[in-house]
Amino acid sequence: MKRSVFAAALLCLSLTVSAAPVVAQSKTMSVAEIQTALAGLQYYNGPVNGVMGARTRIALSDFARDHGKPFTGGPSPDLLSLLDVAYIMSQSDEGCSGEDC
């Protein structure tokens, strides 16, 4: 059930976002927030230091690849929207137990 809810949320992610480089669902994500989300999703294991360094870019690239999105070398609005939703969904599943999870 958990995976089907996550898949449904990703399918529903057809948002129109602005062309600003670090905007997700009408909110700005700092580099530290991006690193936290990537770490929570097991893509990033470096320090949460707010620096868009090589480890953060590799983690974003891996996340994009795994979700069928292009990676342009930085955080696109579309990619950040997907990252935000994936991280929120992963956090809501943490306390879940039983057959409905």
N, C-alpha and C. Protein backbone atom coordinates (compact mmCIF):
# COMPACT_ATOMS: atom_id res chain seq x y z
N MET A 1 0.82 -1.19 0.00
CA MET A 1 0.00 0.00 0.00
C MET A 1 0.87 1.26 0.00
N LYS A 2 1.97 1.23 0.80
CA LYS A 2 2.86 2.39 0.90
C LYS A 2 3.41 2.76 -0.48
N ARG A 3 3.85 1.77 -1.22
CA ARG A 3 4.43 2.06 -2.54
C ARG A 3 3.38 2.57 -3.52
N SER A 4 2.15 2.05 -3.43
CA SER A 4 1.12 2.51 -4.36
C SER A 4 0.74 3.95 -4.06
N VAL A 5 0.73 4.34 -2.78
CA VAL A 5 0.45 5.74 -2.43
C VAL A 5 1.56 6.63 -2.95
N PHE A 6 2.81 6.19 -2.77
CA PHE A 6 3.94 6.96 -3.25
C PHE A 6 3.89 7.09 -4.78
N ALA A 7 3.60 5.99 -5.47
CA ALA A 7 3.51 6.02 -6.93
C ALA A 7 2.40 6.95 -7.39
N ALA A 8 1.27 6.91 -6.70
CA ALA A 8 0.15 7.78 -7.06
C ALA A 8 0.53 9.25 -6.87
N ALA A 9 1.24 9.53 -5.79
CA ALA A 9 1.67 10.91 -5.55
C ALA A 9 2.62 11.39 -6.64
N LEU A 10 3.51 10.52 -7.06
CA LEU A 10 4.45 10.90 -8.12
C LEU A 10 3.74 11.09 -9.45
N LEU A 11 2.73 10.25 -9.72
CA LEU A 11 1.97 10.40 -10.96
C LEU A 11 1.19 11.70 -10.97
N CYS A 12 0.72 12.13 -9.81
CA CYS A 12 -0.05 13.36 -9.70
C CYS A 12 0.82 14.60 -9.77
N LEU A 13 2.11 14.41 -9.79
CA LEU A 13 3.03 15.54 -9.78
C LEU A 13 3.18 16.09 -11.20
N SER A 14 2.19 16.83 -11.63
CA SER A 14 2.28 17.50 -12.92
C SER A 14 2.00 18.98 -12.67
N LEU A 15 2.99 19.61 -12.06
CA LEU A 15 2.86 20.99 -11.63
C LEU A 15 3.46 21.94 -12.66
N THR A 16 2.93 23.13 -12.69
CA THR A 16 3.55 24.19 -13.46
C THR A 16 4.35 25.02 -12.47
N VAL A 17 5.66 25.06 -12.68
CA VAL A 17 6.53 25.79 -11.77
C VAL A 17 7.27 26.87 -12.52
N SER A 18 7.72 27.86 -11.79
CA SER A 18 8.44 28.96 -12.41
C SER A 18 9.82 28.52 -12.85
N ALA A 19 10.50 29.37 -13.57
CA ALA A 19 11.83 29.03 -14.07
C ALA A 19 12.93 29.36 -13.07
N ALA A 20 12.59 29.79 -11.88
CA ALA A 20 13.59 30.07 -10.86
C ALA A 20 14.37 28.80 -10.54
N PRO A 21 15.68 28.89 -10.30
CA PRO A 21 16.51 27.69 -10.18
C PRO A 21 16.28 26.83 -8.95
N VAL A 22 15.80 27.39 -7.85
CA VAL A 22 15.63 26.58 -6.64
C VAL A 22 14.25 26.84 -6.06
N VAL A 23 13.21 26.46 -6.80
CA VAL A 23 11.84 26.62 -6.34
C VAL A 23 11.14 25.28 -6.46
N ALA A 24 10.48 24.87 -5.41
CA ALA A 24 9.71 23.63 -5.43
C ALA A 24 8.35 23.90 -4.84
N GLN A 25 7.32 23.63 -5.59
CA GLN A 25 5.95 23.82 -5.13
C GLN A 25 5.77 25.19 -4.48
N SER A 26 6.18 26.22 -5.14
CA SER A 26 6.06 27.60 -4.69
C SER A 26 6.81 27.90 -3.41
N LYS A 27 7.79 27.10 -3.05
CA LYS A 27 8.61 27.42 -1.89
C LYS A 27 10.07 27.28 -2.26
N THR A 28 10.89 28.09 -1.67
CA THR A 28 12.32 28.03 -1.92
C THR A 28 12.92 26.95 -1.04
N MET A 29 13.80 26.15 -1.61
CA MET A 29 14.53 25.14 -0.84
C MET A 29 15.98 25.57 -0.77
N SER A 30 16.50 25.66 0.43
CA SER A 30 17.91 25.97 0.59
C SER A 30 18.72 24.73 0.23
N VAL A 31 19.99 24.91 0.01
CA VAL A 31 20.85 23.76 -0.27
C VAL A 31 20.84 22.80 0.91
N ALA A 32 20.82 23.32 2.12
CA ALA A 32 20.76 22.45 3.30
C ALA A 32 19.47 21.62 3.31
N GLU A 33 18.35 22.21 2.90
CA GLU A 33 17.08 21.46 2.82
C GLU A 33 17.17 20.38 1.73
N ILE A 34 17.80 20.71 0.62
CA ILE A 34 18.00 19.74 -0.45
C ILE A 34 18.85 18.58 0.06
N GLN A 35 19.94 18.90 0.76
CA GLN A 35 20.82 17.87 1.31
C GLN A 35 20.08 17.00 2.33
N THR A 36 19.26 17.61 3.16
CA THR A 36 18.49 16.87 4.16
C THR A 36 17.52 15.90 3.48
N ALA A 37 16.83 16.38 2.45
CA ALA A 37 15.89 15.51 1.73
C ALA A 37 16.63 14.37 1.05
N LEU A 38 17.73 14.67 0.39
CA LEU A 38 18.51 13.62 -0.29
C LEU A 38 19.05 12.60 0.72
N ALA A 39 19.48 13.07 1.88
CA ALA A 39 19.97 12.17 2.92
C ALA A 39 18.84 11.29 3.45
N GLY A 40 17.68 11.89 3.65
CA GLY A 40 16.53 11.13 4.13
C GLY A 40 16.08 10.06 3.15
N LEU A 41 16.37 10.28 1.88
CA LEU A 41 16.02 9.31 0.84
C LEU A 41 17.18 8.38 0.49
N GLN A 42 18.25 8.45 1.27
CA GLN A 42 19.42 7.58 1.13
C GLN A 42 20.25 7.88 -0.13
N TYR A 43 20.21 9.11 -0.63
CA TYR A 43 21.01 9.49 -1.78
C TYR A 43 22.27 10.26 -1.40
N TYR A 44 22.28 10.84 -0.22
CA TYR A 44 23.37 11.73 0.18
C TYR A 44 23.85 11.34 1.57
N ASN A 45 25.17 11.18 1.71
CA ASN A 45 25.71 10.84 3.02
C ASN A 45 26.80 11.81 3.48
N GLY A 46 26.82 12.97 2.87
CA GLY A 46 27.79 13.98 3.26
C GLY A 46 27.23 14.90 4.33
N PRO A 47 27.99 15.92 4.68
CA PRO A 47 27.52 16.86 5.70
C PRO A 47 26.41 17.76 5.16
N VAL A 48 25.47 18.09 6.02
CA VAL A 48 24.44 19.07 5.65
C VAL A 48 25.03 20.43 6.00
N ASN A 49 25.70 21.01 4.99
CA ASN A 49 26.46 22.24 5.22
C ASN A 49 26.00 23.41 4.35
N GLY A 50 24.98 23.19 3.52
CA GLY A 50 24.48 24.27 2.68
C GLY A 50 25.33 24.59 1.48
N VAL A 51 26.30 23.73 1.16
CA VAL A 51 27.19 23.94 0.02
C VAL A 51 26.80 23.00 -1.10
N MET A 52 26.55 23.55 -2.30
CA MET A 52 26.21 22.74 -3.47
C MET A 52 27.50 22.23 -4.08
N GLY A 53 28.09 21.25 -3.42
CA GLY A 53 29.35 20.67 -3.86
C GLY A 53 29.14 19.42 -4.70
N ALA A 54 30.23 18.73 -4.95
CA ALA A 54 30.21 17.55 -5.82
C ALA A 54 29.30 16.45 -5.26
N ARG A 55 29.36 16.19 -3.97
CA ARG A 55 28.53 15.12 -3.39
C ARG A 55 27.04 15.43 -3.55
N THR A 56 26.67 16.69 -3.35
CA THR A 56 25.27 17.08 -3.49
C THR A 56 24.83 16.94 -4.93
N ARG A 57 25.67 17.36 -5.86
CA ARG A 57 25.32 17.24 -7.29
C ARG A 57 25.21 15.78 -7.72
N ILE A 58 26.11 14.93 -7.24
CA ILE A 58 26.04 13.50 -7.56
C ILE A 58 24.75 12.91 -7.00
N ALA A 59 24.40 13.27 -5.77
CA ALA A 59 23.17 12.76 -5.16
C ALA A 59 21.94 13.22 -5.96
N LEU A 60 21.93 14.49 -6.38
CA LEU A 60 20.82 14.98 -7.19
C LEU A 60 20.76 14.25 -8.53
N SER A 61 21.91 14.02 -9.13
CA SER A 61 21.97 13.30 -10.39
C SER A 61 21.44 11.88 -10.25
N ASP A 62 21.84 11.20 -9.18
CA ASP A 62 21.35 9.83 -8.94
C ASP A 62 19.85 9.81 -8.70
N PHE A 63 19.35 10.78 -7.92
CA PHE A 63 17.91 10.87 -7.67
C PHE A 63 17.17 11.10 -8.98
N ALA A 64 17.67 12.03 -9.80
CA ALA A 64 17.02 12.32 -11.09
C ALA A 64 17.00 11.09 -11.97
N ARG A 65 18.12 10.41 -12.08
CA ARG A 65 18.20 9.20 -12.91
C ARG A 65 17.20 8.14 -12.45
N ASP A 66 17.15 7.91 -11.15
CA ASP A 66 16.27 6.89 -10.61
C ASP A 66 14.79 7.22 -10.78
N HIS A 67 14.48 8.49 -11.03
CA HIS A 67 13.09 8.91 -11.21
C HIS A 67 12.79 9.35 -12.65
N GLY A 68 13.70 9.00 -13.57
CA GLY A 68 13.46 9.25 -14.98
C GLY A 68 13.45 10.72 -15.37
N LYS A 69 14.17 11.53 -14.62
CA LYS A 69 14.24 12.97 -14.91
C LYS A 69 15.62 13.34 -15.42
N PRO A 70 15.69 14.34 -16.30
CA PRO A 70 17.01 14.79 -16.75
C PRO A 70 17.71 15.56 -15.64
N PHE A 71 19.03 15.51 -15.63
CA PHE A 71 19.82 16.29 -14.69
C PHE A 71 20.67 17.26 -15.48
N THR A 72 20.49 18.53 -15.22
CA THR A 72 21.16 19.58 -15.99
C THR A 72 22.37 20.15 -15.27
N GLY A 73 22.79 19.53 -14.17
CA GLY A 73 23.93 20.01 -13.44
C GLY A 73 23.56 20.79 -12.19
N GLY A 74 22.28 21.05 -12.01
CA GLY A 74 21.81 21.78 -10.83
C GLY A 74 20.37 21.43 -10.53
N PRO A 75 19.84 22.02 -9.48
CA PRO A 75 18.47 21.70 -9.06
C PRO A 75 17.43 22.45 -9.89
N SER A 76 16.78 21.76 -10.81
CA SER A 76 15.72 22.37 -11.60
C SER A 76 14.43 22.41 -10.78
N PRO A 77 13.50 23.29 -11.11
CA PRO A 77 12.23 23.35 -10.39
C PRO A 77 11.48 22.02 -10.41
N ASP A 78 11.47 21.35 -11.56
CA ASP A 78 10.78 20.07 -11.68
C ASP A 78 11.41 19.01 -10.78
N LEU A 79 12.73 18.96 -10.77
CA LEU A 79 13.43 17.98 -9.95
C LEU A 79 13.22 18.27 -8.46
N LEU A 80 13.25 19.54 -8.07
CA LEU A 80 13.04 19.89 -6.67
C LEU A 80 11.62 19.60 -6.22
N SER A 81 10.66 19.79 -7.09
CA SER A 81 9.27 19.43 -6.76
C SER A 81 9.17 17.95 -6.47
N LEU A 82 9.77 17.15 -7.33
CA LEU A 82 9.76 15.70 -7.14
C LEU A 82 10.49 15.31 -5.87
N LEU A 83 11.63 15.91 -5.61
CA LEU A 83 12.40 15.64 -4.40
C LEU A 83 11.58 15.98 -3.15
N ASP A 84 10.93 17.12 -3.17
CA ASP A 84 10.12 17.56 -2.03
C ASP A 84 9.01 16.56 -1.75
N VAL A 85 8.29 16.14 -2.78
CA VAL A 85 7.19 15.18 -2.60
C VAL A 85 7.72 13.84 -2.12
N ALA A 86 8.80 13.37 -2.72
CA ALA A 86 9.36 12.07 -2.32
C ALA A 86 9.80 12.09 -0.86
N TYR A 87 10.43 13.19 -0.44
CA TYR A 87 10.89 13.29 0.95
C TYR A 87 9.71 13.35 1.92
N ILE A 88 8.71 14.15 1.60
CA ILE A 88 7.53 14.23 2.46
C ILE A 88 6.84 12.88 2.58
N MET A 89 6.71 12.17 1.45
CA MET A 89 6.09 10.85 1.47
C MET A 89 6.91 9.87 2.30
N SER A 90 8.22 9.95 2.21
CA SER A 90 9.06 9.03 2.98
C SER A 90 8.94 9.31 4.48
N GLN A 91 8.78 10.56 4.85
CA GLN A 91 8.63 10.91 6.26
C GLN A 91 7.29 10.46 6.81
N SER A 92 6.25 10.49 6.00
CA SER A 92 4.94 10.07 6.48
C SER A 92 4.86 8.55 6.64
N ASP A 93 5.77 7.80 6.00
CA ASP A 93 5.78 6.35 6.09
C ASP A 93 6.59 5.83 7.26
N GLU A 94 7.41 6.67 7.91
CA GLU A 94 8.33 6.19 8.93
C GLU A 94 7.65 5.53 10.12
N GLY A 95 6.53 6.05 10.58
CA GLY A 95 5.88 5.48 11.74
C GLY A 95 4.87 4.41 11.38
N CYS A 96 4.83 4.01 10.16
CA CYS A 96 3.82 3.09 9.65
C CYS A 96 4.20 1.64 9.94
N SER A 97 3.22 0.86 10.35
CA SER A 97 3.44 -0.58 10.56
C SER A 97 2.17 -1.33 10.22
N GLY A 98 2.31 -2.62 9.95
CA GLY A 98 1.14 -3.41 9.61
C GLY A 98 0.98 -3.61 8.13
N GLU A 99 -0.07 -4.29 7.75
CA GLU A 99 -0.25 -4.66 6.33
C GLU A 99 -0.66 -3.48 5.45
N ASP A 100 -1.14 -2.39 6.00
CA ASP A 100 -1.55 -1.24 5.19
C ASP A 100 -0.39 -0.33 4.83
N CYS A 101 0.82 -0.64 5.25
CA CYS A 101 1.98 0.23 5.00
C CYS A 101 2.81 -0.24 3.85
